[in-house]
Protein backbone atom coordinates (compact mmCIF):
# COMPACT_ATOMS: atom_id res chain seq x y z
CA MET A 1 -15.43 36.61 54.38
CA TRP A 2 -13.32 34.06 56.15
CA THR A 3 -9.64 33.86 55.31
CA ARG A 4 -7.25 31.01 55.98
CA LYS A 5 -5.68 33.02 58.83
CA LYS A 6 -9.08 33.60 60.44
CA PHE A 7 -10.22 30.01 60.44
CA ILE A 8 -6.88 28.71 61.73
CA GLN A 9 -7.21 31.19 64.60
CA ALA A 10 -10.77 29.97 65.12
CA SER A 11 -9.49 26.43 65.49
CA ALA A 12 -7.95 27.45 68.80
CA SER A 13 -10.69 29.75 70.04
CA ILE A 14 -14.18 28.40 69.18
CA GLY A 15 -16.40 28.31 72.29
CA ALA A 16 -17.92 25.29 74.03
CA ILE A 17 -21.24 23.48 74.48
CA THR A 18 -22.10 20.10 75.95
CA LEU A 19 -21.99 17.59 73.12
CA LEU A 20 -21.81 14.16 74.73
CA GLY A 21 -22.74 12.97 78.17
CA GLY A 22 -19.36 12.58 79.85
CA PHE A 23 -17.88 13.82 76.57
CA PRO A 24 -18.31 17.63 76.63
CA TYR A 25 -17.37 19.94 73.81
CA GLU A 26 -14.92 22.50 75.22
CA ALA A 27 -11.52 24.14 75.01
CA LEU A 28 -8.38 22.15 75.82
CA ALA A 29 -7.34 22.58 79.45
CA ALA A 30 -3.77 22.41 80.75
CA SER A 31 -4.57 19.20 82.62
CA ASP A 32 -5.43 17.53 79.31
CA LYS A 33 -1.98 17.81 77.79
CA ASP A 34 -1.46 14.03 78.04
CA ASP A 35 -4.73 13.15 76.29
CA ILE A 36 -4.81 10.92 73.26
CA ILE A 37 -6.33 13.15 70.57
CA LEU A 38 -8.01 11.68 67.50
CA THR A 39 -8.51 14.27 64.77
CA ILE A 40 -11.21 13.57 62.20
CA LEU A 41 -11.09 15.64 59.00
CA HIS A 42 -13.98 15.14 56.63
CA THR A 43 -15.73 16.24 53.45
CA ASN A 44 -18.89 15.28 51.59
CA ASP A 45 -20.50 16.00 48.22
CA VAL A 46 -17.36 17.54 46.76
CA HIS A 47 -18.88 16.97 43.30
CA SER A 48 -15.68 17.21 41.25
CA ARG A 49 -14.95 20.74 42.49
CA ILE A 50 -11.25 20.63 41.59
CA GLU A 51 -10.83 24.38 41.21
CA PRO A 52 -12.37 27.12 43.38
CA PHE A 53 -15.67 28.60 42.27
CA PRO A 54 -15.08 31.30 39.64
CA MET A 55 -14.90 34.95 40.64
CA ASP A 56 -18.24 35.76 39.05
CA GLY A 57 -20.04 37.48 41.90
CA GLY A 58 -21.66 34.29 43.17
CA LYS A 59 -21.90 33.63 46.92
CA ASN A 60 -19.25 30.90 46.72
CA GLN A 61 -16.78 32.73 44.49
CA GLY A 62 -13.18 31.85 45.28
CA LEU A 63 -14.19 29.08 47.69
CA GLY A 64 -13.60 25.35 47.46
CA GLY A 65 -11.04 23.65 45.27
CA VAL A 66 -8.38 21.09 45.98
CA ALA A 67 -5.41 23.44 46.43
CA ALA A 68 -6.81 25.23 49.48
CA ARG A 69 -8.05 22.00 51.05
CA SER A 70 -4.73 20.24 50.46
CA LYS A 71 -2.82 23.08 52.11
CA LEU A 72 -5.14 23.02 55.11
CA ILE A 73 -4.80 19.28 55.53
CA LYS A 74 -1.01 19.52 55.47
CA GLU A 75 -1.06 22.29 58.07
CA ILE A 76 -3.32 20.28 60.36
CA ARG A 77 -1.30 17.09 59.99
CA ALA A 78 1.87 19.01 60.91
CA THR A 79 0.47 19.69 64.39
CA HIS A 80 -1.96 16.78 64.88
CA PRO A 81 -0.32 13.33 64.92
CA ASN A 82 -3.46 11.13 64.79
CA VAL A 83 -5.50 12.22 61.77
CA LEU A 84 -8.14 10.35 59.78
CA LEU A 85 -9.32 11.98 56.55
CA LEU A 86 -12.75 10.75 55.39
CA ASP A 87 -15.40 11.49 52.77
CA ALA A 88 -19.15 10.80 52.84
CA GLY A 89 -19.82 10.34 49.15
CA ASP A 90 -20.71 12.08 45.88
CA ILE A 91 -17.07 12.58 45.04
CA TRP A 92 -18.03 12.72 41.37
CA GLN A 93 -20.24 14.82 39.07
CA GLY A 94 -20.56 18.58 38.81
CA THR A 95 -17.71 19.98 36.71
CA PRO A 96 -16.12 19.20 33.31
CA TYR A 97 -13.30 17.36 35.10
CA PHE A 98 -15.71 14.50 35.68
CA ASN A 99 -17.21 14.69 32.19
CA PHE A 100 -13.79 14.43 30.55
CA PHE A 101 -11.91 12.10 32.94
CA ASN A 102 -14.70 9.96 34.49
CA GLY A 103 -13.52 10.31 38.09
CA SER A 104 -9.83 9.48 37.77
CA VAL A 105 -8.72 13.04 38.56
CA GLU A 106 -10.83 13.17 41.72
CA TYR A 107 -9.46 9.86 43.03
CA GLN A 108 -5.86 10.75 42.21
CA LEU A 109 -6.11 14.09 43.98
CA MET A 110 -7.68 12.41 47.01
CA ASN A 111 -4.68 10.06 47.02
CA GLU A 112 -2.38 13.07 47.06
CA MET A 113 -4.29 14.55 50.02
CA GLY A 114 -4.05 11.24 51.87
CA TYR A 115 -7.70 10.29 52.27
CA ASP A 116 -8.13 7.17 54.39
CA ALA A 117 -11.67 6.16 53.41
CA ALA A 118 -14.81 7.27 51.59
CA THR A 119 -18.30 5.94 51.06
CA LEU A 120 -20.36 5.82 47.87
CA GLY A 121 -22.91 8.49 47.03
CA ASN A 122 -25.61 8.15 44.40
CA HIS A 123 -23.61 10.26 41.92
CA ASP A 124 -20.69 7.86 42.25
CA PHE A 125 -22.83 5.53 40.10
CA ASP A 126 -23.23 8.09 37.29
CA ILE A 127 -21.00 6.16 34.89
CA GLY A 128 -22.44 2.81 35.93
CA LEU A 129 -20.85 -0.15 37.62
CA GLU A 130 -18.45 -0.62 34.72
CA GLY A 131 -17.18 2.93 35.07
CA LEU A 132 -16.87 2.62 38.84
CA GLN A 133 -15.05 -0.68 38.50
CA LYS A 134 -12.62 0.89 36.04
CA GLN A 135 -11.80 3.73 38.42
CA LEU A 136 -11.50 1.75 41.67
CA PRO A 137 -7.80 0.90 41.07
CA ASN A 138 -7.09 4.65 40.99
CA ALA A 139 -8.20 5.01 44.63
CA ASN A 140 -5.47 4.32 47.20
CA PHE A 141 -8.03 4.71 50.00
CA ALA A 142 -10.80 2.41 51.17
CA ILE A 143 -14.19 2.78 49.47
CA LEU A 144 -16.76 1.50 51.94
CA ASN A 145 -20.40 0.51 51.82
CA ALA A 146 -22.18 -2.00 54.05
CA ASN A 147 -25.82 -1.86 52.92
CA TYR A 148 -25.39 -2.33 49.16
CA ASN A 149 -25.05 -6.02 48.34
CA PHE A 150 -22.83 -6.31 45.26
CA ASP A 151 -22.80 -10.14 45.15
CA ASN A 152 -24.92 -10.31 41.99
CA SER A 153 -23.07 -7.53 40.22
CA ILE A 154 -19.71 -7.07 38.53
CA LEU A 155 -18.43 -5.42 41.73
CA LYS A 156 -18.70 -8.56 43.85
CA ASN A 157 -15.92 -8.56 46.50
CA GLN A 158 -14.63 -5.17 45.31
CA ILE A 159 -16.32 -2.87 47.86
CA GLU A 160 -15.51 -3.29 51.55
CA SER A 161 -18.15 -2.94 54.27
CA TYR A 162 -15.79 -1.52 56.88
CA LYS A 163 -12.16 -0.85 57.70
CA ILE A 164 -10.33 -0.63 61.02
CA PHE A 165 -7.64 1.98 61.58
CA GLU A 166 -5.20 2.21 64.48
CA LYS A 167 -4.04 5.56 65.81
CA CYS A 168 -1.92 5.91 68.96
CA GLY A 169 -3.29 2.70 70.44
CA LEU A 170 -6.90 3.44 69.50
CA LYS A 171 -8.86 1.13 67.22
CA ILE A 172 -11.24 3.10 65.00
CA GLY A 173 -13.86 1.23 63.02
CA VAL A 174 -15.22 3.00 59.93
CA PHE A 175 -18.10 1.76 57.77
CA GLY A 176 -20.24 3.17 54.96
CA ILE A 177 -24.01 3.43 54.48
CA GLY A 178 -25.72 4.54 51.26
CA ILE A 179 -29.07 5.94 50.21
CA GLU A 180 -31.61 3.91 48.23
CA LEU A 181 -30.57 4.21 44.58
CA ASN A 182 -34.00 3.50 43.10
CA GLY A 183 -35.40 6.79 41.82
CA LEU A 184 -32.06 8.58 42.08
CA VAL A 185 -29.93 6.53 39.69
CA PRO A 186 -30.93 4.85 36.41
CA GLU A 187 -31.44 1.14 37.10
CA LYS A 188 -28.92 0.14 34.44
CA ASN A 189 -26.22 2.00 36.41
CA TYR A 190 -26.55 -0.26 39.45
CA LEU A 191 -27.72 -3.49 37.86
CA GLY A 192 -27.57 -6.38 40.33
CA VAL A 193 -26.95 -4.21 43.40
CA GLN A 194 -29.33 -4.96 46.27
CA TYR A 195 -30.23 -2.20 48.72
CA ASN A 196 -30.53 -3.31 52.36
CA ASN A 197 -32.08 -1.54 55.33
CA PRO A 198 -29.50 0.97 56.61
CA ILE A 199 -30.60 0.71 60.24
CA VAL A 200 -30.41 -3.08 60.37
CA ILE A 201 -27.04 -3.15 58.62
CA ALA A 202 -25.59 -0.31 60.70
CA ASN A 203 -26.58 -2.08 63.92
CA ASN A 204 -25.03 -5.34 62.74
CA ILE A 205 -21.77 -3.79 61.56
CA SER A 206 -21.31 -1.49 64.55
CA LYS A 207 -21.96 -4.40 66.95
CA LYS A 208 -19.34 -6.46 65.14
CA LEU A 209 -16.82 -3.63 65.27
CA LYS A 210 -17.49 -3.04 68.97
CA GLU A 211 -17.75 -6.60 70.30
CA GLU A 212 -15.71 -8.73 67.91
CA PHE A 213 -12.97 -6.29 66.94
CA LYS A 214 -12.99 -4.27 70.21
CA CYS A 215 -13.00 -0.89 68.48
CA ASP A 216 -12.65 2.11 70.78
CA PHE A 217 -14.45 4.46 68.41
CA ILE A 218 -16.90 3.78 65.57
CA ILE A 219 -17.61 6.08 62.64
CA CYS A 220 -20.39 5.74 60.07
CA LEU A 221 -19.82 7.45 56.71
CA SER A 222 -23.40 8.07 55.63
CA HIS A 223 -24.84 9.22 52.32
CA LEU A 224 -28.43 9.09 53.55
CA GLY A 225 -29.00 12.82 54.02
CA PHE A 226 -29.38 14.78 57.26
CA LYS A 227 -33.15 14.58 57.86
CA TYR A 228 -36.50 14.57 56.03
CA GLU A 229 -40.01 15.66 56.96
CA ASP A 230 -41.54 12.39 55.71
CA GLY A 231 -39.55 10.20 58.10
CA LYS A 232 -37.35 8.72 55.38
CA VAL A 233 -34.21 7.08 56.76
CA SER A 234 -31.68 9.83 57.40
CA ASP A 235 -28.70 10.53 59.62
CA GLU A 236 -31.09 11.73 62.31
CA VAL A 237 -33.14 8.51 62.13
CA LEU A 238 -30.00 6.40 61.95
CA ALA A 239 -28.51 8.02 65.04
CA GLN A 240 -31.68 7.49 67.09
CA ASN A 241 -32.22 3.86 66.07
CA THR A 242 -28.75 2.34 66.32
CA SER A 243 -26.21 1.43 68.99
CA ASN A 244 -22.42 1.58 69.25
CA ILE A 245 -21.88 4.36 66.68
CA ASP A 246 -19.96 7.33 68.08
CA LEU A 247 -19.93 9.59 65.02
CA ILE A 248 -21.98 9.87 61.84
CA LEU A 249 -20.42 11.93 59.05
CA GLY A 250 -23.18 12.68 56.57
CA GLY A 251 -23.75 13.77 53.01
CA HIS A 252 -26.34 13.97 50.21
CA THR A 253 -28.43 16.91 51.48
CA HIS A 254 -25.55 19.42 51.19
CA THR A 255 -26.28 20.67 54.70
CA PHE A 256 -23.87 23.18 56.23
CA PHE A 257 -23.79 22.56 60.00
CA GLU A 258 -22.75 25.44 62.23
CA LYS A 259 -21.62 22.83 64.74
CA PRO A 260 -22.08 19.08 65.24
CA ILE A 261 -25.44 17.88 66.53
CA GLU A 262 -25.88 15.28 69.27
CA TYR A 263 -28.58 12.61 69.37
CA THR A 264 -29.46 9.90 71.87
CA ASN A 265 -29.23 6.39 70.48
CA LYS A 266 -31.20 3.22 71.32
CA GLU A 267 -29.17 2.68 74.49
CA GLN A 268 -29.54 6.28 75.66
CA LYS A 269 -25.95 7.04 74.74
CA LYS A 270 -24.86 10.00 72.68
CA VAL A 271 -23.89 9.97 69.02
CA VAL A 272 -22.53 12.98 67.13
CA VAL A 273 -23.70 13.88 63.62
CA ASN A 274 -21.87 16.32 61.34
CA GLN A 275 -22.04 17.39 57.70
CA VAL A 276 -20.10 20.09 55.86
CA GLY A 277 -22.25 21.22 52.95
CA TRP A 278 -20.80 20.54 49.55
CA ALA A 279 -18.12 21.39 46.96
CA GLY A 280 -15.23 21.30 49.44
CA ILE A 281 -16.12 24.74 50.76
CA VAL A 282 -15.78 23.44 54.31
CA LEU A 283 -13.32 20.94 55.74
CA GLY A 284 -14.80 19.41 58.89
CA LYS A 285 -12.40 19.12 61.81
CA LEU A 286 -13.31 17.25 65.00
CA ASP A 287 -10.80 16.58 67.80
CA PHE A 288 -11.92 13.73 70.05
CA HIS A 289 -10.02 13.47 73.34
CA PHE A 290 -9.39 10.19 75.18
CA ASP A 291 -7.66 9.52 78.48
CA LYS A 292 -4.82 7.06 78.93
CA MET A 293 -7.32 4.23 79.40
CA LYS A 294 -8.78 5.09 75.96
CA GLU A 295 -12.01 6.32 77.53
CA LYS A 296 -13.71 9.17 75.65
CA LYS A 297 -13.53 12.52 77.42
CA TYR A 298 -14.71 15.30 75.16
CA LEU A 299 -14.88 16.72 71.67
CA LYS A 300 -13.23 19.98 70.70
CA PHE A 301 -14.90 21.29 67.55
CA SER A 302 -13.18 23.67 65.15
CA LYS A 303 -15.03 25.08 62.18
CA GLN A 304 -12.79 24.98 59.14
CA VAL A 305 -13.87 27.20 56.27
CA ILE A 306 -11.81 26.90 53.13
CA ALA A 307 -11.21 30.23 51.47
CA ASN A 308 -8.60 31.57 49.10
C-alpha cells in the first residue's frame, strides 16, 4: 500500500514517456531551472467522501477523506508557486454528510483547501435547482458549465461558462462541460435547463479563450465520462473533435488513470486527458513547463495517491 512518504518520493522520480509533440513528459533537467511551471491539482467524483473509507477490510479502507488531501495540497503549494486546484464534478452524494447537510459541508471544505474552480456533475443536481441555488453562496470558487443553458431556469446568470486565471504571467482559461442530464437526473431537478452539444460549445468557448482572451493554456473540466463503446460523447471524443484545448480533466466514469493519455485534436495537435477515479483516493498532479516566451515545453507527471 502506498504511504504519503512513498508518493511524495514518487513525485520526484516517476519515469518519462512522450506525451505531447514538442511537449514531452520527462524528468526536470538542470537546464530547465528557469522554466515557468504551472501545477494542476485535480479531483473528480469525490461524492461527499469527507472521511477516509472505514477500516472494514475493503480495498479502499483508510483511503480518501479531506484531511489527507488537504495536507497534501498544503505540502505541494509550499514548494510549487503556481498551483491551480480544480474539480470535474459530482462533488455531492455518497455519504450521510450530503444527506444531512445538502452539500454545504463539501463546499466549505473545498473553500478551506483553496479550490479555484469546479464543474457540475449529474449528482450535483440531486437536490434540484433550488437546492443548488441555496448552496452556491457557500462556494468561494468558480462553478463552471458552458453547455447547460440556464436562461429559462432559476439559475439564470448564476453559473459561469469559463474563468481566466493568471499565474506567473500565464493566462489559463478554464471552462466546464457536462453530461446530458436526461435519463440520469429526474427532470424536475433540472427544470428549464437546456443541454447543448458539448463538442460545439467546447469549440466555441476554447476559440474565444484562445483568440479573444489570448490564453496561453486552456483546460476543460469535463463530466462527460472517459469513453464509451457506443460512441457517446466522452472525453476521448471531445479531445479528438475540438481545437485549442490543452488539457481535459474528466469525471463521471470513475476511471483511475495510471498516467495521462494523449489524443490528437482536429488540428493534429496534442491534447492531454486525465481522470483520477473517485472518492478523493487520488489527487491528480500535473506540472506543465513553459519557457520564458510562455511556449509549452513538456509535462512532468506525478502520480499522487492519498493514503493515511
